[in-house]
Each structure stands twice: as C-alpha cells, then as structure tokens.
Amino acid sequence: MKRIQIIELKAIEQNDLAVRLRDQGKIDEARQTLIMNSNFLKSNAARFKSKKLGAYAAENFYDAENLEGDDWIKQRKSMRENQFQRTQQQIEPPEQEELDEKK
C-alpha cells in the first residue's frame, strides 16, 4: 500500500470520527477533529506533492465550517458518501492505466 493511500485511510477514519462526534452533539470536538485532519492532509499533500490529499484537506476544512444549522443533514450525507467512495477506491483493484505505468 502506498503512503498516500495510508494517509488517506487515516484521514477517512478521522472524518468518520467527526461525524460520530457531531451526531453526539459534540460540535466543537467534531470541528476541531476536522480542522486537525485538514492540517494533517495539507502537510502531507505538500510533503508528497499530492493534489488528491490537498483536495481532501480542503473538503475537511469545508466540512468543519458546515456542522451546524439546517444544512447539517445534507452535509452529513455528503460526508458519509465521500467516506464510502474513498474507502471503495482503496479496496478496488488498480485501473489498467496504473498497471501499465508500473511496467
């Protein structure tokens, strides 16, 4: 497994934790978790020159700003879908393009 994949899996776990904290009414803790996750992703995006991690950092920061109000249910659904999609990408076999690059 590549370092970027490992970093992304850790970030997915933290994003999931933030949703669970928010569901428990711990909005400030959820926000802090997402901000720390965003910073973790941002620093690793720079370290490994990864646009993918940079984009996920931005998503986590956006999530942190949208934990309250009427839009929370929609935001929660979006976060869960994102977690699912990212997890699925980790377990699916590599695309043929990626295999060809390794040859």
Protein backbone atom coordinates (compact mmCIF):
# COMPACT_ATOMS: atom_id res chain seq x y z
CA MET A 1 0.00 0.00 0.00
CA LYS A 2 1.33 3.43 -0.92
CA ARG A 3 1.97 6.13 1.69
CA ILE A 4 -0.67 8.39 0.18
CA GLN A 5 -3.27 5.61 0.50
CA ILE A 6 -2.33 5.07 4.14
CA ILE A 7 -2.59 8.79 4.85
CA GLU A 8 -5.96 8.92 3.13
CA LEU A 9 -7.26 5.95 5.16
CA LYS A 10 -6.22 7.66 8.40
CA ALA A 11 -7.98 10.81 7.24
CA ILE A 12 -11.14 8.88 6.37
CA GLU A 13 -11.15 7.45 9.92
CA GLN A 14 -10.85 10.95 11.39
CA ASN A 15 -13.62 12.26 9.16
CA ASP A 16 -15.81 9.38 10.34
CA LEU A 17 -14.95 10.22 13.97
CA ALA A 18 -16.00 13.82 13.36
CA VAL A 19 -19.41 12.69 12.07
CA ARG A 20 -19.89 10.48 15.12
CA LEU A 21 -18.91 13.32 17.45
CA ARG A 22 -21.33 15.66 15.68
CA ASP A 23 -24.09 13.05 15.98
CA GLN A 24 -23.47 13.04 19.73
CA GLY A 25 -23.90 16.82 19.81
CA LYS A 26 -20.17 17.47 20.31
CA ILE A 27 -19.96 20.10 17.60
CA ASP A 28 -16.79 21.82 18.83
CA GLU A 29 -14.94 18.49 19.13
CA ALA A 30 -16.12 17.47 15.66
CA ARG A 31 -14.98 20.80 14.23
CA GLN A 32 -11.57 20.50 15.90
CA THR A 33 -11.16 16.95 14.58
CA LEU A 34 -11.90 18.10 11.03
CA ILE A 35 -9.55 21.08 11.26
CA MET A 36 -6.73 18.89 12.58
CA ASN A 37 -7.49 16.38 9.82
CA SER A 38 -7.37 19.15 7.23
CA ASN A 39 -3.99 20.30 8.55
CA PHE A 40 -2.69 16.70 8.55
CA LEU A 41 -3.77 16.27 4.94
CA LYS A 42 -2.42 19.66 3.88
CA SER A 43 1.03 18.99 5.32
CA ASN A 44 1.19 15.56 3.69
CA ALA A 45 -0.10 16.96 0.40
CA ALA A 46 2.87 19.34 0.39
CA ARG A 47 5.30 16.66 1.54
CA PHE A 48 4.30 14.16 -1.16
CA LYS A 49 3.17 16.72 -3.77
CA SER A 50 -0.28 15.14 -3.81
CA LYS A 51 -3.19 17.05 -5.33
CA LYS A 52 -5.52 14.32 -4.07
CA LEU A 53 -4.55 14.91 -0.43
CA GLY A 54 -4.72 18.67 -0.96
CA ALA A 55 -8.26 18.39 -2.27
CA TYR A 56 -9.29 16.19 0.66
CA ALA A 57 -7.75 18.75 3.05
CA ALA A 58 -9.97 21.43 1.53
CA GLU A 59 -13.04 19.17 1.85
CA ASN A 60 -12.33 18.58 5.54
CA PHE A 61 -11.98 22.31 6.16
CA TYR A 62 -15.28 22.91 4.36
CA ASP A 63 -16.89 20.15 6.44
CA ALA A 64 -15.63 21.84 9.64
CA GLU A 65 -17.41 25.04 8.63
CA ASN A 66 -20.73 23.27 7.98
CA LEU A 67 -21.55 21.33 11.13
CA GLU A 68 -24.47 23.44 12.28
CA GLY A 69 -27.78 24.72 11.04
CA ASP A 70 -30.36 23.38 8.68
CA ASP A 71 -27.80 22.11 6.19
CA TRP A 72 -26.23 19.64 8.64
CA ILE A 73 -28.31 16.67 7.43
CA LYS A 74 -27.31 17.35 3.82
CA GLN A 75 -23.68 17.88 4.86
CA ARG A 76 -23.68 14.66 6.90
CA LYS A 77 -24.96 12.70 3.90
CA SER A 78 -22.26 14.24 1.72
CA MET A 79 -19.54 13.38 4.24
CA ARG A 80 -20.72 9.77 4.55
CA GLU A 81 -20.88 9.35 0.77
CA ASN A 82 -17.39 10.79 0.45
CA GLN A 83 -16.06 8.42 3.12
CA PHE A 84 -17.65 5.46 1.35
CA GLN A 85 -16.30 6.42 -2.07
CA ARG A 86 -12.79 6.99 -0.76
CA THR A 87 -12.83 3.68 1.11
CA GLN A 88 -14.04 1.86 -2.01
CA GLN A 89 -11.20 3.37 -4.03
CA GLN A 90 -8.75 1.93 -1.52
CA ILE A 91 -10.01 -1.64 -1.89
CA GLU A 92 -10.72 -1.75 -5.64
CA PRO A 93 -8.02 -3.18 -7.90
CA PRO A 94 -5.87 -0.60 -9.70
CA GLU A 95 -7.02 0.69 -13.05
CA GLN A 96 -5.31 -0.71 -16.14
CA GLU A 97 -3.59 2.66 -16.65
CA GLU A 98 -1.86 2.35 -13.27
CA LEU A 99 -0.75 -1.18 -14.10
CA ASP A 100 0.68 -0.06 -17.43
CA GLU A 101 2.65 2.72 -15.74
CA LYS A 102 4.38 0.19 -13.50
CA LYS A 103 5.70 -1.84 -16.44
